[in-house]
Each structure stands twice: as C-alpha cells, then as structure tokens.
Amino acid sequence: MNNLDLLTAITVFVLSVLVGIEVISKVPATLHTPLMSGSNSVHGIVVIGAMLIAAGSHTWLGYALAFVAMVFGAMNVVGGYAVTDRMLEMFKARPDDTQKQRKAEV
C-alpha cells in the first residue's frame, strides 16, 4: 500500500465519519432507536469484511483484528435484532386487553 492509497483510505474514512455524524444528528430522538435497531443488521457487512480480511491475512495480528471485528459485528447484529424484537413487543396487544375489549363490545 503506497502513500496515495493510504491517504485516499483515510480521506474516505474521515468523510464517512463526518457524513454519518451529520445524518444521525438530524434524526429526531423518537425515531433514533427504531432506526438504529433496524440498521444494526447492516453490520453483517462488517462480519463479511472481517472474514475477507482473515482470508487474506498471513500474520497473527491480521487474524486477531479480523476476529475482533467479527465478534463486534456479530454482537451488533444480535443486539439490533434483540432491541427490535423488544420494541415490537411493546406494540402487541396484551391478552387481558383483548378480553376486556370483547366484554365491552357485548
């Protein structure tokens, strides 16, 4: 990797951080948790990228970094689905409520 490639990679990283901060700061607080819990599944791409890094690595440092990336990416995917499931549970009708509604209709 030459200096130009490194500079390009750092530039893309810095710009993506700035764009991400700008986009997230514009999201209202009431929408932030639902959007983030659903978008955490995008971290599956991180897991695939870590697998590609592990496949191309020939040093213990590369394997260690790939392993850490896979662990964090997998935790984020599982956590995103867990939070989404908990949020969807809040919108389901409770069995007691449906029985009360049926009695009230009669």
PDB file of N, CA and C in Angstrom:
ATOM      1  N   MET A   1       0.861  -1.174   0.000  1.00  0.00           N
ATOM      2  CA  MET A   1       0.000   0.000   0.000  1.00  0.00           C
ATOM      3  C   MET A   1       0.902   1.231   0.000  1.00  0.00           C
ATOM      4  N   ASN A   2       0.753   2.045  -1.004  1.00  0.00           N
ATOM      5  CA  ASN A   2       1.593   3.236  -1.061  1.00  0.00           C
ATOM      6  C   ASN A   2       0.920   4.398  -0.336  1.00  0.00           C
ATOM      7  N   ASN A   3       1.618   5.524  -0.290  1.00  0.00           N
ATOM      8  CA  ASN A   3       1.126   6.678   0.461  1.00  0.00           C
ATOM      9  C   ASN A   3      -0.167   7.233  -0.109  1.00  0.00           C
ATOM     10  N   LEU A   4      -0.325   7.180  -1.427  1.00  0.00           N
ATOM     11  CA  LEU A   4      -1.546   7.706  -2.045  1.00  0.00           C
ATOM     12  C   LEU A   4      -2.757   6.850  -1.671  1.00  0.00           C
ATOM     13  N   ASP A   5      -2.583   5.544  -1.652  1.00  0.00           N
ATOM     14  CA  ASP A   5      -3.678   4.660  -1.249  1.00  0.00           C
ATOM     15  C   ASP A   5      -4.061   4.892   0.212  1.00  0.00           C
ATOM     16  N   LEU A   6      -3.055   5.058   1.056  1.00  0.00           N
ATOM     17  CA  LEU A   6      -3.315   5.311   2.474  1.00  0.00           C
ATOM     18  C   LEU A   6      -4.027   6.639   2.663  1.00  0.00           C
ATOM     19  N   LEU A   7      -3.591   7.660   1.955  1.00  0.00           N
ATOM     20  CA  LEU A   7      -4.234   8.970   2.047  1.00  0.00           C
ATOM     21  C   LEU A   7      -5.680   8.908   1.563  1.00  0.00           C
ATOM     22  N   THR A   8      -5.917   8.174   0.484  1.00  0.00           N
ATOM     23  CA  THR A   8      -7.290   8.013  -0.021  1.00  0.00           C
ATOM     24  C   THR A   8      -8.154   7.281   0.984  1.00  0.00           C
ATOM     25  N   ALA A   9      -7.638   6.230   1.589  1.00  0.00           N
ATOM     26  CA  ALA A   9      -8.403   5.477   2.581  1.00  0.00           C
ATOM     27  C   ALA A   9      -8.725   6.334   3.802  1.00  0.00           C
ATOM     28  N   ILE A  10      -7.766   7.102   4.270  1.00  0.00           N
ATOM     29  CA  ILE A  10      -8.005   7.980   5.424  1.00  0.00           C
ATOM     30  C   ILE A  10      -9.010   9.065   5.072  1.00  0.00           C
ATOM     31  N   THR A  11      -8.932   9.619   3.863  1.00  0.00           N
ATOM     32  CA  THR A  11      -9.883  10.649   3.430  1.00  0.00           C
ATOM     33  C   THR A  11     -11.299  10.099   3.378  1.00  0.00           C
ATOM     34  N   VAL A  12     -11.479   8.920   2.817  1.00  0.00           N
ATOM     35  CA  VAL A  12     -12.807   8.297   2.758  1.00  0.00           C
ATOM     36  C   VAL A  12     -13.327   8.033   4.162  1.00  0.00           C
ATOM     37  N   PHE A  13     -12.465   7.558   5.052  1.00  0.00           N
ATOM     38  CA  PHE A  13     -12.885   7.292   6.426  1.00  0.00           C
ATOM     39  C   PHE A  13     -13.341   8.564   7.131  1.00  0.00           C
ATOM     40  N   VAL A  14     -12.553   9.628   7.035  1.00  0.00           N
ATOM     41  CA  VAL A  14     -12.898  10.885   7.703  1.00  0.00           C
ATOM     42  C   VAL A  14     -14.191  11.465   7.131  1.00  0.00           C
ATOM     43  N   LEU A  15     -14.333  11.439   5.822  1.00  0.00           N
ATOM     44  CA  LEU A  15     -15.565  11.960   5.210  1.00  0.00           C
ATOM     45  C   LEU A  15     -16.778  11.132   5.615  1.00  0.00           C
ATOM     46  N   SER A  16     -16.638   9.820   5.698  1.00  0.00           N
ATOM     47  CA  SER A  16     -17.777   8.995   6.096  1.00  0.00           C
ATOM     48  C   SER A  16     -18.158   9.239   7.550  1.00  0.00           C
ATOM     49  N   VAL A  17     -17.171   9.497   8.406  1.00  0.00           N
ATOM     50  CA  VAL A  17     -17.476   9.829   9.805  1.00  0.00           C
ATOM     51  C   VAL A  17     -18.244  11.148   9.862  1.00  0.00           C
ATOM     52  N   LEU A  18     -17.791  12.145   9.130  1.00  0.00           N
ATOM     53  CA  LEU A  18     -18.465  13.447   9.148  1.00  0.00           C
ATOM     54  C   LEU A  18     -19.885  13.367   8.590  1.00  0.00           C
ATOM     55  N   VAL A  19     -20.064  12.633   7.499  1.00  0.00           N
ATOM     56  CA  VAL A  19     -21.409  12.475   6.935  1.00  0.00           C
ATOM     57  C   VAL A  19     -22.299  11.702   7.903  1.00  0.00           C
ATOM     58  N   GLY A  20     -21.767  10.665   8.528  1.00  0.00           N
ATOM     59  CA  GLY A  20     -22.547   9.891   9.497  1.00  0.00           C
ATOM     60  C   GLY A  20     -22.995  10.725  10.677  1.00  0.00           C
ATOM     61  N   ILE A  21     -22.105  11.549  11.203  1.00  0.00           N
ATOM     62  CA  ILE A  21     -22.465  12.422  12.326  1.00  0.00           C
ATOM     63  C   ILE A  21     -23.541  13.409  11.899  1.00  0.00           C
ATOM     64  N   GLU A  22     -23.401  13.967  10.711  1.00  0.00           N
ATOM     65  CA  GLU A  22     -24.392  14.939  10.225  1.00  0.00           C
ATOM     66  C   GLU A  22     -25.761  14.289  10.039  1.00  0.00           C
ATOM     67  N   VAL A  23     -25.793  13.092   9.481  1.00  0.00           N
ATOM     68  CA  VAL A  23     -27.069  12.408   9.243  1.00  0.00           C
ATOM     69  C   VAL A  23     -27.730  12.015  10.560  1.00  0.00           C
ATOM     70  N   ILE A  24     -26.964  11.442  11.472  1.00  0.00           N
ATOM     71  CA  ILE A  24     -27.526  10.995  12.746  1.00  0.00           C
ATOM     72  C   ILE A  24     -28.006  12.172  13.582  1.00  0.00           C
ATOM     73  N   SER A  25     -27.310  13.306  13.523  1.00  0.00           N
ATOM     74  CA  SER A  25     -27.722  14.458  14.329  1.00  0.00           C
ATOM     75  C   SER A  25     -29.048  15.050  13.852  1.00  0.00           C
ATOM     76  N   LYS A  26     -29.445  14.785  12.618  1.00  0.00           N
ATOM     77  CA  LYS A  26     -30.708  15.314  12.086  1.00  0.00           C
ATOM     78  C   LYS A  26     -31.914  14.423  12.407  1.00  0.00           C
ATOM     79  N   VAL A  27     -31.678  13.234  12.951  1.00  0.00           N
ATOM     80  CA  VAL A  27     -32.771  12.307  13.251  1.00  0.00           C
ATOM     81  C   VAL A  27     -33.368  12.676  14.611  1.00  0.00           C
ATOM     82  N   PRO A  28     -34.703  12.845  14.695  1.00  0.00           N
ATOM     83  CA  PRO A  28     -35.320  13.159  15.989  1.00  0.00           C
ATOM     84  C   PRO A  28     -35.136  12.003  16.978  1.00  0.00           C
ATOM     85  N   ALA A  29     -35.139  12.336  18.256  1.00  0.00           N
ATOM     86  CA  ALA A  29     -34.898  11.336  19.305  1.00  0.00           C
ATOM     87  C   ALA A  29     -35.938  10.218  19.282  1.00  0.00           C
ATOM     88  N   THR A  30     -37.171  10.526  18.911  1.00  0.00           N
ATOM     89  CA  THR A  30     -38.216   9.498  18.903  1.00  0.00           C
ATOM     90  C   THR A  30     -38.006   8.464  17.806  1.00  0.00           C
ATOM     91  N   LEU A  31     -37.280   8.819  16.761  1.00  0.00           N
ATOM     92  CA  LEU A  31     -37.024   7.883  15.670  1.00  0.00           C
ATOM     93  C   LEU A  31     -35.653   7.227  15.751  1.00  0.00           C
ATOM     94  N   HIS A  32     -34.796   7.730  16.611  1.00  0.00           N
ATOM     95  CA  HIS A  32     -33.409   7.252  16.626  1.00  0.00           C
ATOM     96  C   HIS A  32     -33.314   5.771  16.977  1.00  0.00           C
ATOM     97  N   THR A  33     -33.982   5.339  18.048  1.00  0.00           N
ATOM     98  CA  THR A  33     -33.870   3.938  18.474  1.00  0.00           C
ATOM     99  C   THR A  33     -34.454   2.979  17.448  1.00  0.00           C
ATOM    100  N   PRO A  34     -35.659   3.222  16.896  1.00  0.00           N
ATOM    101  CA  PRO A  34     -36.158   2.281  15.881  1.00  0.00           C
ATOM    102  C   PRO A  34     -35.276   2.206  14.640  1.00  0.00           C
ATOM    103  N   LEU A  35     -34.764   3.335  14.191  1.00  0.00           N
ATOM    104  CA  LEU A  35     -33.908   3.318  13.004  1.00  0.00           C
ATOM    105  C   LEU A  35     -32.598   2.596  13.276  1.00  0.00           C
ATOM    106  N   MET A  36     -32.011   2.839  14.427  1.00  0.00           N
ATOM    107  CA  MET A  36     -30.723   2.221  14.737  1.00  0.00           C
ATOM    108  C   MET A  36     -30.867   0.727  14.993  1.00  0.00           C
ATOM    109  N   SER A  37     -31.958   0.309  15.612  1.00  0.00           N
ATOM    110  CA  SER A  37     -32.112  -1.120  15.879  1.00  0.00           C
ATOM    111  C   SER A  37     -32.299  -1.891  14.577  1.00  0.00           C
ATOM    112  N   GLY A  38     -32.974  -1.296  13.627  1.00  0.00           N
ATOM    113  CA  GLY A  38     -33.139  -1.965  12.344  1.00  0.00           C
ATOM    114  C   GLY A  38     -31.887  -1.925  11.492  1.00  0.00           C
ATOM    115  N   SER A  39     -31.144  -0.829  11.587  1.00  0.00           N
ATOM    116  CA  SER A  39     -29.955  -0.705  10.744  1.00  0.00           C
ATOM    117  C   SER A  39     -28.736  -1.421  11.317  1.00  0.00           C
ATOM    118  N   ASN A  40     -28.819  -1.912  12.538  1.00  0.00           N
ATOM    119  CA  ASN A  40     -27.691  -2.659  13.088  1.00  0.00           C
ATOM    120  C   ASN A  40     -27.457  -3.948  12.323  1.00  0.00           C
ATOM    121  N   SER A  41     -28.466  -4.426  11.636  1.00  0.00           N
ATOM    122  CA  SER A  41     -28.259  -5.639  10.855  1.00  0.00           C
ATOM    123  C   SER A  41     -27.303  -5.407   9.691  1.00  0.00           C
ATOM    124  N   VAL A  42     -27.086  -4.144   9.341  1.00  0.00           N
ATOM    125  CA  VAL A  42     -26.132  -3.818   8.293  1.00  0.00           C
ATOM    126  C   VAL A  42     -24.721  -4.239   8.715  1.00  0.00           C
ATOM    127  N   HIS A  43     -24.511  -4.437  10.000  1.00  0.00           N
ATOM    128  CA  HIS A  43     -23.197  -4.857  10.464  1.00  0.00           C
ATOM    129  C   HIS A  43     -22.857  -6.274  10.009  1.00  0.00           C
ATOM    130  N   GLY A  44     -23.789  -6.943   9.370  1.00  0.00           N
ATOM    131  CA  GLY A  44     -23.450  -8.199   8.717  1.00  0.00           C
ATOM    132  C   GLY A  44     -22.379  -7.985   7.661  1.00  0.00           C
ATOM    133  N   ILE A  45     -22.367  -6.786   7.069  1.00  0.00           N
ATOM    134  CA  ILE A  45     -21.328  -6.443   6.102  1.00  0.00           C
ATOM    135  C   ILE A  45     -19.973  -6.384   6.790  1.00  0.00           C
ATOM    136  N   VAL A  46     -19.953  -5.902   8.032  1.00  0.00           N
ATOM    137  CA  VAL A  46     -18.707  -5.868   8.794  1.00  0.00           C
ATOM    138  C   VAL A  46     -18.193  -7.287   9.020  1.00  0.00           C
ATOM    139  N   VAL A  47     -19.096  -8.200   9.314  1.00  0.00           N
ATOM    140  CA  VAL A  47     -18.700  -9.588   9.542  1.00  0.00           C
ATOM    141  C   VAL A  47     -18.116 -10.181   8.253  1.00  0.00           C
ATOM    142  N   ILE A  48     -18.753  -9.907   7.130  1.00  0.00           N
ATOM    143  CA  ILE A  48     -18.233 -10.413   5.847  1.00  0.00           C
ATOM    144  C   ILE A  48     -16.874  -9.793   5.544  1.00  0.00           C
ATOM    145  N   GLY A  49     -16.725  -8.498   5.802  1.00  0.00           N
ATOM    146  CA  GLY A  49     -15.438  -7.844   5.599  1.00  0.00           C
ATOM    147  C   GLY A  49     -14.351  -8.433   6.490  1.00  0.00           C
ATOM    148  N   ALA A  50     -14.701  -8.747   7.726  1.00  0.00           N
ATOM    149  CA  ALA A  50     -13.728  -9.355   8.632  1.00  0.00           C
ATOM    150  C   ALA A  50     -13.333 -10.745   8.147  1.00  0.00           C
ATOM    151  N   MET A  51     -14.275 -11.467   7.576  1.00  0.00           N
ATOM    152  CA  MET A  51     -13.938 -12.779   7.016  1.00  0.00           C
ATOM    153  C   MET A  51     -12.979 -12.639   5.837  1.00  0.00           C
ATOM    154  N   LEU A  52     -13.201 -11.624   5.007  1.00  0.00           N
ATOM    155  CA  LEU A  52     -12.296 -11.387   3.876  1.00  0.00           C
ATOM    156  C   LEU A  52     -10.901 -10.995   4.360  1.00  0.00           C
ATOM    157  N   ILE A  53     -10.842 -10.194   5.430  1.00  0.00           N
ATOM    158  CA  ILE A  53      -9.550  -9.824   5.995  1.00  0.00           C
ATOM    159  C   ILE A  53      -8.838 -11.064   6.534  1.00  0.00           C
ATOM    160  N   ALA A  54      -9.596 -11.917   7.223  1.00  0.00           N
ATOM    161  CA  ALA A  54      -8.995 -13.133   7.775  1.00  0.00           C
ATOM    162  C   ALA A  54      -8.501 -14.049   6.661  1.00  0.00           C
ATOM    163  N   ALA A  55      -9.226 -14.110   5.561  1.00  0.00           N
ATOM    164  CA  ALA A  55      -8.822 -14.977   4.454  1.00  0.00           C
ATOM    165  C   ALA A  55      -7.545 -14.466   3.788  1.00  0.00           C
ATOM    166  N   GLY A  56      -7.356 -13.165   3.757  1.00  0.00           N
ATOM    167  CA  GLY A  56      -6.183 -12.600   3.101  1.00  0.00           C
ATOM    168  C   GLY A  56      -5.020 -12.336   4.038  1.00  0.00           C
ATOM    169  N   SER A  57      -5.217 -12.565   5.315  1.00  0.00           N
ATOM    170  CA  SER A  57      -4.171 -12.279   6.283  1.00  0.00           C
ATOM    171  C   SER A  57      -3.188 -13.440   6.389  1.00  0.00           C
ATOM    172  N   HIS A  58      -1.943 -13.080   6.690  1.00  0.00           N
ATOM    173  CA  HIS A  58      -0.909 -14.095   6.867  1.00  0.00           C
ATOM    174  C   HIS A  58      -0.153 -13.895   8.179  1.00  0.00           C
ATOM    175  N   THR A  59      -0.635 -12.977   9.020  1.00  0.00           N
ATOM    176  CA  THR A  59       0.028 -12.716  10.292  1.00  0.00           C
ATOM    177  C   THR A  59      -0.961 -12.896  11.428  1.00  0.00           C
ATOM    178  N   TRP A  60      -0.438 -13.074  12.609  1.00  0.00           N
ATOM    179  CA  TRP A  60      -1.314 -13.245  13.765  1.00  0.00           C
ATOM    180  C   TRP A  60      -2.080 -11.957  14.061  1.00  0.00           C
ATOM    181  N   LEU A  61      -1.494 -10.789  13.771  1.00  0.00           N
ATOM    182  CA  LEU A  61      -2.181  -9.522  14.000  1.00  0.00           C
ATOM    183  C   LEU A  61      -3.410  -9.390  13.097  1.00  0.00           C
ATOM    184  N   GLY A  62      -3.274  -9.792  11.848  1.00  0.00           N
ATOM    185  CA  GLY A  62      -4.416  -9.761  10.930  1.00  0.00           C
ATOM    186  C   GLY A  62      -5.531 -10.684  11.385  1.00  0.00           C
ATOM    187  N   TYR A  63      -5.154 -11.877  11.849  1.00  0.00           N
ATOM    188  CA  TYR A  63      -6.162 -12.810  12.358  1.00  0.00           C
ATOM    189  C   TYR A  63      -6.840 -12.263  13.609  1.00  0.00           C
ATOM    190  N   ALA A  64      -6.060 -11.642  14.483  1.00  0.00           N
ATOM    191  CA  ALA A  64      -6.629 -11.090  15.718  1.00  0.00           C
ATOM    192  C   ALA A  64      -7.586  -9.946  15.415  1.00  0.00           C
ATOM    193  N   LEU A  65      -7.194  -9.041  14.513  1.00  0.00           N
ATOM    194  CA  LEU A  65      -8.077  -7.926  14.154  1.00  0.00           C
ATOM    195  C   LEU A  65      -9.350  -8.418  13.472  1.00  0.00           C
ATOM    196  N   ALA A  66      -9.217  -9.420  12.614  1.00  0.00           N
ATOM    197  CA  ALA A  66     -10.396  -9.981  11.951  1.00  0.00           C
ATOM    198  C   ALA A  66     -11.322 -10.638  12.968  1.00  0.00           C
ATOM    199  N   PHE A  67     -10.743 -11.346  13.938  1.00  0.00           N
ATOM    200  CA  PHE A  67     -11.566 -11.982  14.965  1.00  0.00           C
ATOM    201  C   PHE A  67     -12.322 -10.948  15.788  1.00  0.00           C
ATOM    202  N   VAL A  68     -11.629  -9.883  16.201  1.00  0.00           N
ATOM    203  CA  VAL A  68     -12.283  -8.829  16.990  1.00  0.00           C
ATOM    204  C   VAL A  68     -13.390  -8.165  16.170  1.00  0.00           C
ATOM    205  N   ALA A  69     -13.142  -7.906  14.885  1.00  0.00           N
ATOM    206  CA  ALA A  69     -14.164  -7.300  14.028  1.00  0.00           C
ATOM    207  C   ALA A  69     -15.369  -8.222  13.878  1.00  0.00           C
ATOM    208  N   MET A  70     -15.122  -9.529  13.735  1.00  0.00           N
ATOM    209  CA  MET A  70     -16.236 -10.478  13.619  1.00  0.00           C
ATOM    210  C   MET A  70     -17.056 -10.536  14.910  1.00  0.00           C
ATOM    211  N   VAL A  71     -16.378 -10.524  16.045  1.00  0.00           N
ATOM    212  CA  VAL A  71     -17.095 -10.588  17.332  1.00  0.00           C
ATOM    213  C   VAL A  71     -17.951  -9.347  17.522  1.00  0.00           C
ATOM    214  N   PHE A  72     -17.361  -8.165  17.308  1.00  0.00           N
ATOM    215  CA  PHE A  72     -18.133  -6.931  17.490  1.00  0.00           C
ATOM    216  C   PHE A  72     -19.263  -6.812  16.476  1.00  0.00           C
ATOM    217  N   GLY A  73     -19.013  -7.184  15.240  1.00  0.00           N
ATOM    218  CA  GLY A  73     -20.067  -7.137  14.228  1.00  0.00           C
ATOM    219  C   GLY A  73     -21.204  -8.082  14.553  1.00  0.00           C
ATOM    220  N   ALA A  74     -20.874  -9.302  14.996  1.00  0.00           N
ATOM    221  CA  ALA A  74     -21.918 -10.271  15.353  1.00  0.00           C
ATOM    222  C   ALA A  74     -22.708  -9.803  16.573  1.00  0.00           C
ATOM    223  N   MET A  75     -22.012  -9.225  17.557  1.00  0.00           N
ATOM    224  CA  MET A  75     -22.729  -8.708  18.734  1.00  0.00           C
ATOM    225  C   MET A  75     -23.697  -7.600  18.338  1.00  0.00           C
ATOM    226  N   ASN A  76     -23.297  -6.752  17.424  1.00  0.00           N
ATOM    227  CA  ASN A  76     -24.163  -5.656  17.000  1.00  0.00           C
ATOM    228  C   ASN A  76     -25.369  -6.166  16.222  1.00  0.00           C
ATOM    229  N   VAL A  77     -25.168  -7.186  15.396  1.00  0.00           N
ATOM    230  CA  VAL A  77     -26.293  -7.767  14.655  1.00  0.00           C
ATOM    231  C   VAL A  77     -27.292  -8.382  15.621  1.00  0.00           C
ATOM    232  N   VAL A  78     -26.811  -9.195  16.539  1.00  0.00           N
ATOM    233  CA  VAL A  78     -27.706  -9.850  17.505  1.00  0.00           C
ATOM    234  C   VAL A  78     -28.387  -8.817  18.393  1.00  0.00           C
ATOM    235  N   GLY A  79     -27.636  -7.832  18.852  1.00  0.00           N
ATOM    236  CA  GLY A  79     -28.218  -6.785  19.687  1.00  0.00           C
ATOM    237  C   GLY A  79     -29.268  -5.970  18.950  1.00  0.00           C
ATOM    238  N   GLY A  80     -29.025  -5.691  17.679  1.00  0.00           N
ATOM    239  CA  GLY A  80     -30.017  -4.950  16.895  1.00  0.00           C
ATOM    240  C   GLY A  80     -31.320  -5.700  16.757  1.00  0.00           C
ATOM    241  N   TYR A  81     -31.233  -7.005  16.508  1.00  0.00           N
ATOM    242  CA  TYR A  81     -32.456  -7.789  16.413  1.00  0.00           C
ATOM    243  C   TYR A  81     -33.143  -7.932  17.762  1.00  0.00           C
ATOM    244  N   ALA A  82     -32.379  -8.020  18.845  1.00  0.00           N
ATOM    245  CA  ALA A  82     -32.982  -8.124  20.180  1.00  0.00           C
ATOM    246  C   ALA A  82     -33.735  -6.844  20.537  1.00  0.00           C
ATOM    247  N   VAL A  83     -33.134  -5.685  20.237  1.00  0.00           N
ATOM    248  CA  VAL A  83     -33.799  -4.416  20.526  1.00  0.00           C
ATOM    249  C   VAL A  83     -35.048  -4.264  19.659  1.00  0.00           C
ATOM    250  N   THR A  84     -34.959  -4.649  18.390  1.00  0.00           N
ATOM    251  CA  THR A  84     -36.125  -4.569  17.510  1.00  0.00           C
ATOM    252  C   THR A  84     -37.248  -5.465  18.008  1.00  0.00           C
ATOM    253  N   ASP A  85     -36.909  -6.661  18.449  1.00  0.00           N
ATOM    254  CA  ASP A  85     -37.919  -7.575  18.977  1.00  0.00           C
ATOM    255  C   ASP A  85     -38.585  -7.003  20.225  1.00  0.00           C
ATOM    256  N   ARG A  86     -37.795  -6.409  21.103  1.00  0.00           N
ATOM    257  CA  ARG A  86     -38.369  -5.801  22.311  1.00  0.00           C
ATOM    258  C   ARG A  86     -39.286  -4.639  21.961  1.00  0.00           C
ATOM    259  N   MET A  87     -38.902  -3.853  20.958  1.00  0.00           N
ATOM    260  CA  MET A  87     -39.745  -2.721  20.570  1.00  0.00           C
ATOM    261  C   MET A  87     -41.054  -3.206  19.946  1.00  0.00           C
ATOM    262  N   LEU A  88     -40.994  -4.261  19.146  1.00  0.00           N
ATOM    263  CA  LEU A  88     -42.214  -4.779  18.536  1.00  0.00           C
ATOM    264  C   LEU A  88     -43.143  -5.383  19.579  1.00  0.00           C
ATOM    265  N   GLU A  89     -42.587  -5.946  20.649  1.00  0.00           N
ATOM    266  CA  GLU A  89     -43.407  -6.485  21.737  1.00  0.00           C
ATOM    267  C   GLU A  89     -44.227  -5.392  22.402  1.00  0.00           C
ATOM    268  N   MET A  90     -43.720  -4.163  22.422  1.00  0.00           N
ATOM    269  CA  MET A  90     -44.453  -3.063  23.055  1.00  0.00           C
ATOM    270  C   MET A  90     -45.736  -2.735  22.303  1.00  0.00           C
ATOM    271  N   PHE A  91     -45.795  -3.042  21.015  1.00  0.00           N
ATOM    272  CA  PHE A  91     -46.957  -2.679  20.222  1.00  0.00           C
ATOM    273  C   PHE A  91     -47.976  -3.802  20.096  1.00  0.00           C
ATOM    274  N   LYS A  92     -47.687  -4.970  20.647  1.00  0.00           N
ATOM    275  CA  LYS A  92     -48.646  -6.074  20.598  1.00  0.00           C
ATOM    276  C   LYS A  92     -49.695  -5.895  21.680  1.00  0.00           C
ATOM    277  N   ALA A  93     -50.917  -6.289  21.365  1.00  0.00           N
ATOM    278  CA  ALA A  93     -51.993  -6.198  22.341  1.00  0.00           C
ATOM    279  C   ALA A  93     -51.818  -7.292  23.389  1.00  0.00           C
ATOM    280  N   ARG A  94     -52.041  -6.930  24.636  1.00  0.00           N
ATOM    281  CA  ARG A  94     -51.950  -7.910  25.719  1.00  0.00           C
ATOM    282  C   ARG A  94     -53.213  -8.761  25.729  1.00  0.00           C
ATOM    283  N   PRO A  95     -53.111 -10.010  26.176  1.00  0.00           N
ATOM    284  CA  PRO A  95     -54.314 -10.872  26.221  1.00  0.00           C
ATOM    285  C   PRO A  95     -55.409 -10.292  27.106  1.00  0.00           C
ATOM    286  N   ASP A  96     -55.039  -9.638  28.201  1.00  0.00           N
ATOM    287  CA  ASP A  96     -56.046  -9.044  29.087  1.00  0.00           C
ATOM    288  C   ASP A  96     -56.812  -7.934  28.382  1.00  0.00           C
ATOM    289  N   ASP A  97     -56.121  -7.146  27.574  1.00  0.00           N
ATOM    290  CA  ASP A  97     -56.756  -6.036  26.871  1.00  0.00           C
ATOM    291  C   ASP A  97     -57.765  -6.541  25.845  1.00  0.00           C
ATOM    292  N   THR A  98     -57.446  -7.615  25.128  1.00  0.00           N
ATOM    293  CA  THR A  98     -58.368  -8.124  24.118  1.00  0.00           C
ATOM    294  C   THR A  98     -59.613  -8.707  24.767  1.00  0.00           C
ATOM    295  N   GLN A  99     -59.473  -9.337  25.917  1.00  0.00           N
ATOM    296  CA  GLN A  99     -60.646  -9.881  26.615  1.00  0.00           C
ATOM    297  C   GLN A  99     -61.529  -8.755  27.122  1.00  0.00           C
ATOM    298  N   LYS A 100     -60.933  -7.672  27.611  1.00  0.00           N
ATOM    299  CA  LYS A 100     -61.709  -6.530  28.084  1.00  0.00           C
ATOM    300  C   LYS A 100     -62.453  -5.874  26.928  1.00  0.00           C
ATOM    301  N   GLN A 101     -61.821  -5.812  25.755  1.00  0.00           N
ATOM    302  CA  GLN A 101     -62.478  -5.224  24.599  1.00  0.00           C
ATOM    303  C   GLN A 101     -63.661  -6.064  24.161  1.00  0.00           C
ATOM    304  N   ARG A 102     -63.519  -7.378  24.175  1.00  0.00           N
ATOM    305  CA  ARG A 102     -64.629  -8.247  23.788  1.00  0.00           C
ATOM    306  C   ARG A 102     -65.796  -8.106  24.747  1.00  0.00           C
ATOM    307  N   LYS A 103     -65.530  -8.010  26.041  1.00  0.00           N
ATOM    308  CA  LYS A 103     -66.606  -7.832  27.032  1.00  0.00           C
ATOM    309  C   LYS A 103     -67.282  -6.482  26.848  1.00  0.00           C
ATOM    310  N   ALA A 104     -66.503  -5.472  26.510  1.00  0.00           N
ATOM    311  CA  ALA A 104     -67.065  -4.140  26.334  1.00  0.00           C
ATOM    312  C   ALA A 104     -67.932  -4.068  25.085  1.00  0.00           C
ATOM    313  N   GLU A 105     -67.620  -4.874  24.061  1.00  0.00           N
ATOM    314  CA  GLU A 105     -68.398  -4.861  22.822  1.00  0.00           C
ATOM    315  C   GLU A 105     -69.736  -5.563  23.003  1.00  0.00           C
ATOM    316  N   VAL A 106     -69.809  -6.501  23.922  1.00  0.00           N
ATOM    317  CA  VAL A 106     -71.036  -7.270  24.119  1.00  0.00           C
ATOM    318  C   VAL A 106     -72.020  -6.529  24.914  1.00  0.00           C
TER     319      VAL A 106
END
